[in-house]
Amino acid sequence: MDTTLGVHVAPRWLLLAQTYAGRADAETFRAEWLKAEISVVRELGRDWRVQAGWRATLAGRETPADQGPVLALWRRF
């Protein structure tokens, strides 16, 4: 399950708060995770966006606890 909340904080800037939760079941392996991300998105013209943020594991079972930066380039089509 993914959830996203976004707020425009300026005309070309968007602040995002996101969570990602999931489960993978196998006969001998059962993983569960909950991750969160906070990021900002900047519009670069009409079709392009750049995103920068931080993602971290909040809870999990049989999954690595990780955290780190998020960088993305989007193109609208």
N, C-alpha and C. Protein backbone atom coordinates (compact mmCIF):
# COMPACT_ATOMS: atom_id res chain seq x y z
N MET A 1 0.84 -1.16 0.00
CA MET A 1 0.00 0.00 0.00
C MET A 1 0.90 1.23 0.00
N ASP A 2 0.56 2.19 -0.81
CA ASP A 2 1.27 3.46 -0.88
C ASP A 2 0.30 4.59 -0.54
N THR A 3 0.78 5.56 0.21
CA THR A 3 0.00 6.77 0.46
C THR A 3 0.89 7.98 0.18
N THR A 4 0.28 9.03 -0.35
CA THR A 4 1.03 10.25 -0.67
C THR A 4 0.18 11.46 -0.31
N LEU A 5 0.80 12.42 0.32
CA LEU A 5 0.19 13.70 0.63
C LEU A 5 1.11 14.78 0.07
N GLY A 6 0.57 15.64 -0.77
CA GLY A 6 1.37 16.69 -1.38
C GLY A 6 0.75 18.05 -1.17
N VAL A 7 1.60 19.06 -0.98
CA VAL A 7 1.15 20.43 -0.76
C VAL A 7 2.04 21.35 -1.59
N HIS A 8 1.42 22.21 -2.39
CA HIS A 8 2.19 23.23 -3.12
C HIS A 8 2.56 24.33 -2.14
N VAL A 9 3.86 24.52 -1.91
CA VAL A 9 4.32 25.53 -0.95
C VAL A 9 4.74 26.82 -1.65
N ALA A 10 4.86 26.77 -2.96
CA ALA A 10 5.17 27.93 -3.80
C ALA A 10 4.70 27.57 -5.21
N PRO A 11 4.65 28.53 -6.13
CA PRO A 11 4.10 28.24 -7.46
C PRO A 11 4.73 27.05 -8.18
N ARG A 12 6.03 26.82 -8.08
CA ARG A 12 6.66 25.71 -8.80
C ARG A 12 7.27 24.67 -7.86
N TRP A 13 6.87 24.67 -6.59
CA TRP A 13 7.42 23.76 -5.59
C TRP A 13 6.31 22.94 -4.94
N LEU A 14 6.57 21.65 -4.77
CA LEU A 14 5.63 20.72 -4.15
C LEU A 14 6.35 19.98 -3.03
N LEU A 15 5.76 19.92 -1.86
CA LEU A 15 6.28 19.16 -0.73
C LEU A 15 5.49 17.86 -0.63
N LEU A 16 6.19 16.71 -0.58
CA LEU A 16 5.54 15.40 -0.53
C LEU A 16 5.90 14.65 0.74
N ALA A 17 4.90 13.99 1.33
CA ALA A 17 5.10 13.03 2.42
C ALA A 17 4.49 11.72 1.94
N GLN A 18 5.29 10.65 1.91
CA GLN A 18 4.83 9.38 1.35
C GLN A 18 5.17 8.23 2.30
N THR A 19 4.33 7.20 2.27
CA THR A 19 4.62 5.95 2.99
C THR A 19 4.42 4.79 2.02
N TYR A 20 5.19 3.73 2.24
CA TYR A 20 5.13 2.52 1.45
C TYR A 20 5.09 1.34 2.41
N ALA A 21 4.09 0.51 2.31
CA ALA A 21 3.97 -0.66 3.17
C ALA A 21 3.71 -1.88 2.29
N GLY A 22 4.25 -3.01 2.69
CA GLY A 22 4.04 -4.20 1.88
C GLY A 22 4.38 -5.48 2.62
N ARG A 23 4.09 -6.58 1.93
CA ARG A 23 4.35 -7.91 2.48
C ARG A 23 4.68 -8.84 1.33
N ALA A 24 5.66 -9.71 1.54
CA ALA A 24 6.03 -10.74 0.57
C ALA A 24 5.98 -12.08 1.30
N ASP A 25 5.11 -12.96 0.83
CA ASP A 25 4.98 -14.28 1.46
C ASP A 25 5.56 -15.35 0.55
N ALA A 26 6.34 -16.22 1.13
CA ALA A 26 6.85 -17.41 0.45
C ALA A 26 6.81 -18.54 1.47
N GLU A 27 7.08 -19.74 1.03
CA GLU A 27 6.99 -20.90 1.92
C GLU A 27 7.91 -20.78 3.13
N THR A 28 9.13 -20.27 2.95
CA THR A 28 10.07 -20.17 4.07
C THR A 28 10.47 -18.74 4.38
N PHE A 29 9.86 -17.77 3.73
CA PHE A 29 10.28 -16.39 3.87
C PHE A 29 9.05 -15.49 3.92
N ARG A 30 8.96 -14.67 4.94
CA ARG A 30 7.84 -13.74 5.07
C ARG A 30 8.38 -12.37 5.46
N ALA A 31 8.34 -11.44 4.54
CA ALA A 31 8.86 -10.09 4.79
C ALA A 31 7.70 -9.11 4.88
N GLU A 32 7.86 -8.15 5.77
CA GLU A 32 6.91 -7.05 5.91
C GLU A 32 7.71 -5.77 6.10
N TRP A 33 7.22 -4.65 5.56
CA TRP A 33 7.97 -3.42 5.69
C TRP A 33 7.05 -2.22 5.68
N LEU A 34 7.55 -1.14 6.29
CA LEU A 34 6.91 0.17 6.28
C LEU A 34 8.02 1.20 6.12
N LYS A 35 7.97 1.95 5.04
CA LYS A 35 8.97 2.98 4.77
C LYS A 35 8.28 4.33 4.62
N ALA A 36 9.01 5.39 4.92
CA ALA A 36 8.48 6.75 4.79
C ALA A 36 9.47 7.59 4.01
N GLU A 37 8.92 8.58 3.33
CA GLU A 37 9.76 9.48 2.52
C GLU A 37 9.21 10.89 2.61
N ILE A 38 10.11 11.85 2.73
CA ILE A 38 9.77 13.26 2.66
C ILE A 38 10.61 13.85 1.55
N SER A 39 10.00 14.64 0.67
CA SER A 39 10.77 15.18 -0.45
C SER A 39 10.13 16.46 -0.98
N VAL A 40 10.92 17.17 -1.78
CA VAL A 40 10.44 18.36 -2.48
C VAL A 40 10.56 18.10 -3.98
N VAL A 41 9.62 18.65 -4.72
CA VAL A 41 9.61 18.51 -6.18
C VAL A 41 9.59 19.91 -6.78
N ARG A 42 10.46 20.13 -7.76
CA ARG A 42 10.55 21.43 -8.44
C ARG A 42 10.17 21.25 -9.91
N GLU A 43 9.25 22.06 -10.39
CA GLU A 43 8.88 22.04 -11.81
C GLU A 43 9.99 22.69 -12.62
N LEU A 44 10.37 22.03 -13.71
CA LEU A 44 11.37 22.57 -14.64
C LEU A 44 10.71 22.71 -16.01
N GLY A 45 9.97 23.74 -16.21
CA GLY A 45 9.23 23.91 -17.45
C GLY A 45 7.91 23.18 -17.39
N ARG A 46 7.34 22.92 -18.56
CA ARG A 46 6.00 22.32 -18.62
C ARG A 46 5.99 20.82 -18.33
N ASP A 47 6.98 20.07 -18.82
CA ASP A 47 6.93 18.61 -18.76
C ASP A 47 7.90 17.95 -17.79
N TRP A 48 8.85 18.68 -17.24
CA TRP A 48 9.90 18.06 -16.42
C TRP A 48 9.80 18.46 -14.96
N ARG A 49 10.15 17.53 -14.08
CA ARG A 49 10.19 17.75 -12.63
C ARG A 49 11.45 17.08 -12.07
N VAL A 50 12.01 17.66 -11.03
CA VAL A 50 13.12 17.04 -10.30
C VAL A 50 12.69 16.90 -8.84
N GLN A 51 13.02 15.75 -8.25
CA GLN A 51 12.62 15.45 -6.87
C GLN A 51 13.85 15.10 -6.06
N ALA A 52 13.92 15.61 -4.82
CA ALA A 52 15.00 15.28 -3.89
C ALA A 52 14.38 15.08 -2.51
N GLY A 53 14.85 14.05 -1.81
CA GLY A 53 14.30 13.79 -0.48
C GLY A 53 15.08 12.74 0.27
N TRP A 54 14.43 12.19 1.29
CA TRP A 54 15.04 11.20 2.18
C TRP A 54 14.01 10.10 2.46
N ARG A 55 14.43 8.85 2.35
CA ARG A 55 13.57 7.70 2.63
C ARG A 55 14.20 6.86 3.73
N ALA A 56 13.36 6.33 4.64
CA ALA A 56 13.85 5.51 5.74
C ALA A 56 12.84 4.42 6.07
N THR A 57 13.35 3.29 6.56
CA THR A 57 12.51 2.20 7.04
C THR A 57 12.01 2.55 8.44
N LEU A 58 10.69 2.51 8.65
CA LEU A 58 10.12 2.79 9.96
C LEU A 58 9.92 1.51 10.76
N ALA A 59 9.56 0.43 10.08
CA ALA A 59 9.31 -0.86 10.74
C ALA A 59 9.49 -1.96 9.71
N GLY A 60 9.77 -3.15 10.18
CA GLY A 60 9.90 -4.26 9.25
C GLY A 60 10.20 -5.58 9.93
N ARG A 61 10.02 -6.63 9.14
CA ARG A 61 10.32 -7.99 9.58
C ARG A 61 10.94 -8.72 8.39
N GLU A 62 12.10 -9.30 8.60
CA GLU A 62 12.82 -9.99 7.53
C GLU A 62 13.08 -9.06 6.34
N THR A 63 13.40 -7.81 6.66
CA THR A 63 13.73 -6.83 5.63
C THR A 63 14.81 -5.90 6.18
N PRO A 64 15.69 -5.39 5.35
CA PRO A 64 16.74 -4.52 5.86
C PRO A 64 16.21 -3.18 6.37
N ALA A 65 16.79 -2.69 7.43
CA ALA A 65 16.50 -1.34 7.92
C ALA A 65 17.46 -0.42 7.18
N ASP A 66 16.93 0.38 6.29
CA ASP A 66 17.79 1.25 5.49
C ASP A 66 17.26 2.66 5.49
N GLN A 67 18.12 3.57 5.06
CA GLN A 67 17.73 4.96 4.89
C GLN A 67 18.70 5.59 3.91
N GLY A 68 18.23 6.63 3.23
CA GLY A 68 19.12 7.29 2.29
C GLY A 68 18.39 8.29 1.43
N PRO A 69 19.17 8.97 0.59
CA PRO A 69 18.60 10.02 -0.25
C PRO A 69 17.79 9.45 -1.40
N VAL A 70 16.85 10.27 -1.88
CA VAL A 70 16.03 9.95 -3.05
C VAL A 70 16.25 11.08 -4.06
N LEU A 71 16.61 10.73 -5.27
CA LEU A 71 16.73 11.68 -6.36
C LEU A 71 15.98 11.12 -7.55
N ALA A 72 15.15 11.95 -8.18
CA ALA A 72 14.36 11.49 -9.31
C ALA A 72 14.19 12.61 -10.31
N LEU A 73 14.09 12.22 -11.57
CA LEU A 73 13.76 13.13 -12.65
C LEU A 73 12.52 12.60 -13.33
N TRP A 74 11.48 13.39 -13.42
CA TRP A 74 10.21 12.97 -14.02
C TRP A 74 9.98 13.70 -15.32
N ARG A 75 9.33 13.02 -16.23
CA ARG A 75 8.86 13.65 -17.46
C ARG A 75 7.39 13.34 -17.62
N ARG A 76 6.59 14.34 -17.76
CA ARG A 76 5.15 14.17 -17.97
C ARG A 76 4.90 13.91 -19.45
N PHE A 77 4.05 12.90 -19.74
CA PHE A 77 3.71 12.61 -21.15
C PHE A 77 2.29 12.18 -21.28
